[in-house]
Amino acid sequence: MASRRKDTLLTPSRGPSQRQLRVGEQVRHILSTLFLRSEFPEPGLPTSVTVTHVNMSPDLQNATVYIMPLGGYYREETLAYLKEIAGYVRHQLGKSLQTKFTPSLRFRLDESFDHAERIEKLLKGTER
């Protein structure tokens, strides 16, 4: 029985743990509220931002935040602005997040909408 336990400890994880998912959802909710209030140290956010998903690292020290600007406009400008104020956003996140450490934030554009639109166009093209 000891060998079975050893094997299960060495098998790689099949995805994020429940804790990663829970903390990621908390981070998403806090950031969504922060972006909704738009209280930033300097003006510059070109449009409203939706936080679609947050991936947490296994040690909860890093968070990859997937965003999409309203209507898909000003993507690069929004991403550049969020990268510029990431330290401020992290500080605000730390005020609300009930964890030992506040994760560092990496912002990425959520490409899933583009992929879904491309697939939809392909499917519509084959229906004719």
N, C-alpha and C. Protein backbone atom coordinates (compact mmCIF):
# COMPACT_ATOMS: atom_id res chain seq x y z
N MET A 1 0.81 -1.19 0.00
CA MET A 1 0.00 0.00 0.00
C MET A 1 0.85 1.26 0.00
N ALA A 2 2.04 1.17 0.57
CA ALA A 2 2.94 2.32 0.60
C ALA A 2 3.35 2.72 -0.81
N SER A 3 3.56 1.73 -1.69
CA SER A 3 3.97 2.06 -3.04
C SER A 3 2.84 2.78 -3.80
N ARG A 4 1.60 2.42 -3.52
CA ARG A 4 0.48 3.09 -4.18
C ARG A 4 0.43 4.56 -3.77
N ARG A 5 0.64 4.83 -2.49
CA ARG A 5 0.62 6.21 -2.01
C ARG A 5 1.76 6.99 -2.64
N LYS A 6 2.92 6.39 -2.74
CA LYS A 6 4.07 7.04 -3.34
C LYS A 6 3.78 7.40 -4.80
N ASP A 7 3.12 6.49 -5.52
CA ASP A 7 2.78 6.75 -6.92
C ASP A 7 1.82 7.92 -7.05
N THR A 8 0.84 8.01 -6.16
CA THR A 8 -0.13 9.10 -6.26
C THR A 8 0.51 10.43 -5.92
N LEU A 9 1.52 10.45 -5.06
CA LEU A 9 2.19 11.69 -4.73
C LEU A 9 3.05 12.19 -5.88
N LEU A 10 3.53 11.28 -6.69
CA LEU A 10 4.42 11.67 -7.78
C LEU A 10 3.68 11.98 -9.09
N THR A 11 2.43 11.63 -9.18
CA THR A 11 1.70 11.91 -10.42
C THR A 11 1.40 13.40 -10.51
N PRO A 12 1.55 13.96 -11.68
CA PRO A 12 1.31 15.39 -11.83
C PRO A 12 -0.17 15.73 -11.64
N SER A 13 -0.39 16.93 -11.19
CA SER A 13 -1.74 17.43 -10.98
C SER A 13 -2.48 17.52 -12.31
N ARG A 14 -3.78 17.35 -12.28
CA ARG A 14 -4.58 17.39 -13.50
C ARG A 14 -5.27 18.74 -13.68
N GLY A 15 -4.78 19.76 -13.06
CA GLY A 15 -5.36 21.08 -13.19
C GLY A 15 -5.23 21.84 -11.89
N PRO A 16 -5.82 23.01 -11.86
CA PRO A 16 -5.69 23.82 -10.66
C PRO A 16 -6.43 23.20 -9.48
N SER A 17 -5.88 23.42 -8.29
CA SER A 17 -6.50 22.90 -7.08
C SER A 17 -7.73 23.73 -6.74
N GLN A 18 -8.52 23.24 -5.82
CA GLN A 18 -9.70 23.99 -5.37
C GLN A 18 -9.28 25.32 -4.77
N ARG A 19 -8.17 25.33 -4.07
CA ARG A 19 -7.70 26.57 -3.46
C ARG A 19 -7.31 27.58 -4.53
N GLN A 20 -6.60 27.13 -5.56
CA GLN A 20 -6.24 28.03 -6.66
C GLN A 20 -7.48 28.60 -7.32
N LEU A 21 -8.47 27.76 -7.56
CA LEU A 21 -9.70 28.22 -8.18
C LEU A 21 -10.44 29.23 -7.30
N ARG A 22 -10.49 28.95 -6.00
CA ARG A 22 -11.19 29.83 -5.07
C ARG A 22 -10.51 31.19 -4.98
N VAL A 23 -9.19 31.19 -4.81
CA VAL A 23 -8.46 32.45 -4.71
C VAL A 23 -8.51 33.20 -6.04
N GLY A 24 -8.41 32.48 -7.15
CA GLY A 24 -8.51 33.12 -8.46
C GLY A 24 -9.85 33.81 -8.66
N GLU A 25 -10.91 33.18 -8.19
CA GLU A 25 -12.23 33.79 -8.30
C GLU A 25 -12.35 35.00 -7.39
N GLN A 26 -11.75 34.95 -6.22
CA GLN A 26 -11.74 36.12 -5.33
C GLN A 26 -10.98 37.28 -5.97
N VAL A 27 -9.84 36.99 -6.55
CA VAL A 27 -9.05 38.02 -7.22
C VAL A 27 -9.85 38.61 -8.38
N ARG A 28 -10.50 37.77 -9.16
CA ARG A 28 -11.31 38.25 -10.29
C ARG A 28 -12.41 39.18 -9.81
N HIS A 29 -13.09 38.80 -8.75
CA HIS A 29 -14.18 39.61 -8.22
C HIS A 29 -13.67 40.96 -7.70
N ILE A 30 -12.58 40.96 -6.97
CA ILE A 30 -12.02 42.21 -6.42
C ILE A 30 -11.56 43.13 -7.54
N LEU A 31 -10.86 42.57 -8.53
CA LEU A 31 -10.39 43.39 -9.65
C LEU A 31 -11.55 43.93 -10.48
N SER A 32 -12.58 43.13 -10.68
CA SER A 32 -13.75 43.60 -11.43
C SER A 32 -14.39 44.80 -10.73
N THR A 33 -14.49 44.72 -9.42
CA THR A 33 -15.06 45.83 -8.64
C THR A 33 -14.16 47.06 -8.73
N LEU A 34 -12.86 46.85 -8.65
CA LEU A 34 -11.91 47.97 -8.75
C LEU A 34 -12.01 48.64 -10.11
N PHE A 35 -12.08 47.85 -11.18
CA PHE A 35 -12.18 48.43 -12.52
C PHE A 35 -13.52 49.11 -12.73
N LEU A 36 -14.55 48.62 -12.10
CA LEU A 36 -15.87 49.24 -12.22
C LEU A 36 -15.87 50.63 -11.58
N ARG A 37 -15.19 50.76 -10.43
CA ARG A 37 -15.12 52.06 -9.74
C ARG A 37 -14.18 53.02 -10.45
N SER A 38 -13.22 52.51 -11.19
CA SER A 38 -12.24 53.32 -11.95
C SER A 38 -11.52 54.34 -11.08
N GLU A 39 -11.09 53.92 -9.90
CA GLU A 39 -10.34 54.81 -9.02
C GLU A 39 -8.86 54.52 -9.20
N PHE A 40 -8.25 55.19 -10.17
CA PHE A 40 -6.85 54.96 -10.47
C PHE A 40 -6.06 56.23 -10.19
N PRO A 41 -4.77 56.10 -9.91
CA PRO A 41 -3.97 57.26 -9.54
C PRO A 41 -3.84 58.29 -10.66
N GLU A 42 -3.90 57.83 -11.87
CA GLU A 42 -3.82 58.75 -13.01
C GLU A 42 -4.83 58.31 -14.05
N PRO A 43 -5.50 59.26 -14.68
CA PRO A 43 -6.47 58.87 -15.71
C PRO A 43 -5.75 58.26 -16.90
N GLY A 44 -6.44 57.42 -17.62
CA GLY A 44 -5.80 56.83 -18.77
C GLY A 44 -6.43 55.54 -19.24
N LEU A 45 -7.31 54.96 -18.43
CA LEU A 45 -7.97 53.73 -18.87
C LEU A 45 -8.96 54.11 -19.97
N PRO A 46 -8.70 53.67 -21.20
CA PRO A 46 -9.49 54.14 -22.34
C PRO A 46 -10.93 53.65 -22.36
N THR A 47 -11.25 52.57 -21.68
CA THR A 47 -12.60 52.01 -21.75
C THR A 47 -12.83 51.12 -20.53
N SER A 48 -14.06 50.66 -20.38
CA SER A 48 -14.36 49.71 -19.31
C SER A 48 -13.68 48.39 -19.59
N VAL A 49 -13.33 47.68 -18.52
CA VAL A 49 -12.59 46.43 -18.65
C VAL A 49 -13.35 45.32 -17.95
N THR A 50 -13.43 44.17 -18.61
CA THR A 50 -14.01 42.97 -18.02
C THR A 50 -12.88 42.02 -17.68
N VAL A 51 -12.89 41.53 -16.45
CA VAL A 51 -11.92 40.51 -16.04
C VAL A 51 -12.62 39.17 -16.28
N THR A 52 -12.15 38.43 -17.27
CA THR A 52 -12.84 37.20 -17.65
C THR A 52 -12.39 35.99 -16.85
N HIS A 53 -11.11 35.97 -16.47
CA HIS A 53 -10.59 34.79 -15.77
C HIS A 53 -9.28 35.14 -15.10
N VAL A 54 -8.98 34.46 -13.99
CA VAL A 54 -7.70 34.64 -13.31
C VAL A 54 -7.11 33.25 -13.06
N ASN A 55 -5.90 33.03 -13.54
CA ASN A 55 -5.17 31.79 -13.27
C ASN A 55 -4.17 32.06 -12.17
N MET A 56 -4.24 31.29 -11.10
CA MET A 56 -3.32 31.42 -9.98
C MET A 56 -2.23 30.37 -10.10
N SER A 57 -1.00 30.72 -9.73
CA SER A 57 0.07 29.74 -9.67
C SER A 57 -0.17 28.82 -8.48
N PRO A 58 0.42 27.63 -8.47
CA PRO A 58 0.19 26.70 -7.36
C PRO A 58 0.55 27.27 -5.98
N ASP A 59 1.55 28.16 -5.91
CA ASP A 59 1.92 28.75 -4.62
C ASP A 59 1.15 30.04 -4.32
N LEU A 60 0.24 30.42 -5.19
CA LEU A 60 -0.62 31.61 -5.05
C LEU A 60 0.19 32.91 -5.03
N GLN A 61 1.41 32.89 -5.53
CA GLN A 61 2.27 34.08 -5.55
C GLN A 61 2.10 34.90 -6.83
N ASN A 62 1.57 34.28 -7.88
CA ASN A 62 1.43 34.94 -9.18
C ASN A 62 0.02 34.72 -9.70
N ALA A 63 -0.51 35.76 -10.33
CA ALA A 63 -1.83 35.66 -10.93
C ALA A 63 -1.76 36.20 -12.35
N THR A 64 -2.27 35.41 -13.28
CA THR A 64 -2.40 35.87 -14.66
C THR A 64 -3.85 36.28 -14.84
N VAL A 65 -4.06 37.57 -15.12
CA VAL A 65 -5.39 38.15 -15.20
C VAL A 65 -5.75 38.33 -16.67
N TYR A 66 -6.79 37.65 -17.11
CA TYR A 66 -7.25 37.76 -18.50
C TYR A 66 -8.34 38.80 -18.56
N ILE A 67 -8.14 39.79 -19.43
CA ILE A 67 -9.06 40.92 -19.53
C ILE A 67 -9.57 41.08 -20.96
N MET A 68 -10.68 41.79 -21.08
CA MET A 68 -11.20 42.17 -22.38
C MET A 68 -11.83 43.56 -22.24
N PRO A 69 -11.33 44.53 -22.99
CA PRO A 69 -11.94 45.85 -22.97
C PRO A 69 -13.35 45.80 -23.57
N LEU A 70 -14.18 46.71 -23.15
CA LEU A 70 -15.56 46.77 -23.61
C LEU A 70 -15.61 46.86 -25.14
N GLY A 71 -16.32 45.94 -25.75
CA GLY A 71 -16.47 45.92 -27.19
C GLY A 71 -15.22 45.46 -27.93
N GLY A 72 -14.16 45.14 -27.22
CA GLY A 72 -12.93 44.71 -27.86
C GLY A 72 -12.10 45.85 -28.43
N TYR A 73 -12.48 47.10 -28.11
CA TYR A 73 -11.76 48.26 -28.62
C TYR A 73 -10.63 48.64 -27.67
N TYR A 74 -9.63 49.30 -28.20
CA TYR A 74 -8.50 49.81 -27.42
C TYR A 74 -7.78 48.70 -26.64
N ARG A 75 -7.62 47.56 -27.25
CA ARG A 75 -7.01 46.42 -26.56
C ARG A 75 -5.57 46.71 -26.11
N GLU A 76 -4.75 47.12 -27.04
CA GLU A 76 -3.33 47.33 -26.72
C GLU A 76 -3.15 48.49 -25.75
N GLU A 77 -3.92 49.57 -25.92
CA GLU A 77 -3.82 50.71 -25.03
C GLU A 77 -4.24 50.33 -23.61
N THR A 78 -5.31 49.56 -23.50
CA THR A 78 -5.79 49.13 -22.19
C THR A 78 -4.78 48.22 -21.53
N LEU A 79 -4.24 47.27 -22.27
CA LEU A 79 -3.25 46.35 -21.73
C LEU A 79 -1.99 47.10 -21.27
N ALA A 80 -1.53 48.05 -22.07
CA ALA A 80 -0.35 48.83 -21.71
C ALA A 80 -0.60 49.64 -20.44
N TYR A 81 -1.78 50.23 -20.33
CA TYR A 81 -2.12 51.02 -19.14
C TYR A 81 -2.17 50.14 -17.90
N LEU A 82 -2.78 48.97 -18.00
CA LEU A 82 -2.88 48.08 -16.84
C LEU A 82 -1.50 47.56 -16.42
N LYS A 83 -0.64 47.30 -17.38
CA LYS A 83 0.72 46.88 -17.04
C LYS A 83 1.47 48.01 -16.32
N GLU A 84 1.20 49.24 -16.73
CA GLU A 84 1.84 50.40 -16.13
C GLU A 84 1.42 50.60 -14.68
N ILE A 85 0.15 50.36 -14.38
CA ILE A 85 -0.35 50.59 -13.01
C ILE A 85 -0.52 49.29 -12.23
N ALA A 86 0.14 48.22 -12.65
CA ALA A 86 -0.01 46.91 -11.99
C ALA A 86 0.35 46.98 -10.51
N GLY A 87 1.35 47.77 -10.15
CA GLY A 87 1.73 47.89 -8.75
C GLY A 87 0.62 48.51 -7.91
N TYR A 88 -0.02 49.54 -8.44
CA TYR A 88 -1.13 50.17 -7.75
C TYR A 88 -2.31 49.20 -7.61
N VAL A 89 -2.60 48.49 -8.69
CA VAL A 89 -3.71 47.53 -8.67
C VAL A 89 -3.41 46.42 -7.66
N ARG A 90 -2.17 45.97 -7.60
CA ARG A 90 -1.78 44.94 -6.64
C ARG A 90 -1.97 45.45 -5.20
N HIS A 91 -1.58 46.71 -4.97
CA HIS A 91 -1.75 47.30 -3.64
C HIS A 91 -3.23 47.34 -3.25
N GLN A 92 -4.09 47.75 -4.17
CA GLN A 92 -5.52 47.79 -3.90
C GLN A 92 -6.09 46.39 -3.67
N LEU A 93 -5.60 45.43 -4.43
CA LEU A 93 -6.02 44.04 -4.27
C LEU A 93 -5.65 43.54 -2.88
N GLY A 94 -4.45 43.87 -2.42
CA GLY A 94 -3.98 43.44 -1.10
C GLY A 94 -4.84 43.94 0.04
N LYS A 95 -5.51 45.07 -0.15
CA LYS A 95 -6.39 45.62 0.89
C LYS A 95 -7.62 44.75 1.10
N SER A 96 -8.06 44.08 0.06
CA SER A 96 -9.31 43.30 0.13
C SER A 96 -9.10 41.80 0.18
N LEU A 97 -7.99 41.32 -0.34
CA LEU A 97 -7.75 39.88 -0.42
C LEU A 97 -7.27 39.35 0.92
N GLN A 98 -7.91 38.32 1.40
CA GLN A 98 -7.58 37.76 2.71
C GLN A 98 -6.61 36.58 2.59
N THR A 99 -5.43 36.84 2.05
CA THR A 99 -4.39 35.82 1.96
C THR A 99 -3.11 36.36 2.59
N LYS A 100 -2.19 35.47 2.87
CA LYS A 100 -0.93 35.88 3.51
C LYS A 100 -0.12 36.80 2.61
N PHE A 101 -0.08 36.48 1.33
CA PHE A 101 0.66 37.27 0.36
C PHE A 101 -0.28 37.77 -0.72
N THR A 102 0.02 38.94 -1.25
CA THR A 102 -0.72 39.45 -2.39
C THR A 102 0.02 39.01 -3.65
N PRO A 103 -0.67 38.35 -4.57
CA PRO A 103 0.02 37.85 -5.76
C PRO A 103 0.46 38.98 -6.69
N SER A 104 1.56 38.76 -7.39
CA SER A 104 1.94 39.69 -8.44
C SER A 104 0.99 39.46 -9.61
N LEU A 105 0.73 40.51 -10.36
CA LEU A 105 -0.28 40.45 -11.42
C LEU A 105 0.36 40.56 -12.79
N ARG A 106 -0.07 39.69 -13.69
CA ARG A 106 0.30 39.77 -15.10
C ARG A 106 -1.00 39.88 -15.88
N PHE A 107 -1.12 40.90 -16.67
CA PHE A 107 -2.34 41.10 -17.45
C PHE A 107 -2.14 40.56 -18.85
N ARG A 108 -3.16 39.86 -19.34
CA ARG A 108 -3.16 39.29 -20.69
C ARG A 108 -4.52 39.56 -21.32
N LEU A 109 -4.53 39.71 -22.64
CA LEU A 109 -5.79 39.82 -23.35
C LEU A 109 -6.42 38.44 -23.46
N ASP A 110 -7.71 38.37 -23.27
CA ASP A 110 -8.43 37.10 -23.39
C ASP A 110 -8.75 36.88 -24.86
N GLU A 111 -8.09 35.93 -25.45
CA GLU A 111 -8.24 35.63 -26.88
C GLU A 111 -9.40 34.68 -27.15
N SER A 112 -10.07 34.19 -26.12
CA SER A 112 -11.11 33.18 -26.32
C SER A 112 -12.28 33.74 -27.13
N PHE A 113 -12.56 35.04 -27.00
CA PHE A 113 -13.65 35.63 -27.78
C PHE A 113 -13.31 35.62 -29.27
N ASP A 114 -12.07 35.92 -29.59
CA ASP A 114 -11.63 35.89 -30.99
C ASP A 114 -11.70 34.48 -31.56
N HIS A 115 -11.28 33.49 -30.77
CA HIS A 115 -11.34 32.10 -31.22
C HIS A 115 -12.78 31.65 -31.43
N ALA A 116 -13.65 32.02 -30.52
CA ALA A 116 -15.06 31.64 -30.65
C ALA A 116 -15.69 32.27 -31.89
N GLU A 117 -15.35 33.52 -32.16
CA GLU A 117 -15.89 34.21 -33.33
C GLU A 117 -15.38 33.56 -34.62
N ARG A 118 -14.09 33.19 -34.62
CA ARG A 118 -13.52 32.53 -35.80
C ARG A 118 -14.19 31.18 -36.04
N ILE A 119 -14.41 30.42 -34.99
CA ILE A 119 -15.08 29.12 -35.13
C ILE A 119 -16.50 29.30 -35.62
N GLU A 120 -17.19 30.30 -35.09
CA GLU A 120 -18.57 30.56 -35.52
C GLU A 120 -18.62 30.91 -37.01
N LYS A 121 -17.66 31.73 -37.47
CA LYS A 121 -17.62 32.07 -38.89
C LYS A 121 -17.33 30.86 -39.74
N LEU A 122 -16.45 29.98 -39.27
CA LEU A 122 -16.14 28.77 -40.02
C LEU A 122 -17.36 27.86 -40.11
N LEU A 123 -18.08 27.74 -39.00
CA LEU A 123 -19.27 26.90 -39.01
C LEU A 123 -20.37 27.46 -39.91
N LYS A 124 -20.53 28.76 -39.89
CA LYS A 124 -21.53 29.37 -40.77
C LYS A 124 -21.15 29.21 -42.23
N GLY A 125 -19.88 29.25 -42.52
CA GLY A 125 -19.39 29.10 -43.89
C GLY A 125 -19.62 27.67 -44.40
N THR A 126 -19.59 26.67 -43.53
CA THR A 126 -19.79 25.28 -43.97
C THR A 126 -21.24 24.90 -44.04
N GLU A 127 -22.13 25.72 -43.49
CA GLU A 127 -23.56 25.38 -43.53
C GLU A 127 -24.19 25.64 -44.88
N ARG A 128 -23.56 26.41 -45.71
CA ARG A 128 -24.16 26.77 -47.01
C ARG A 128 -24.25 25.61 -47.92
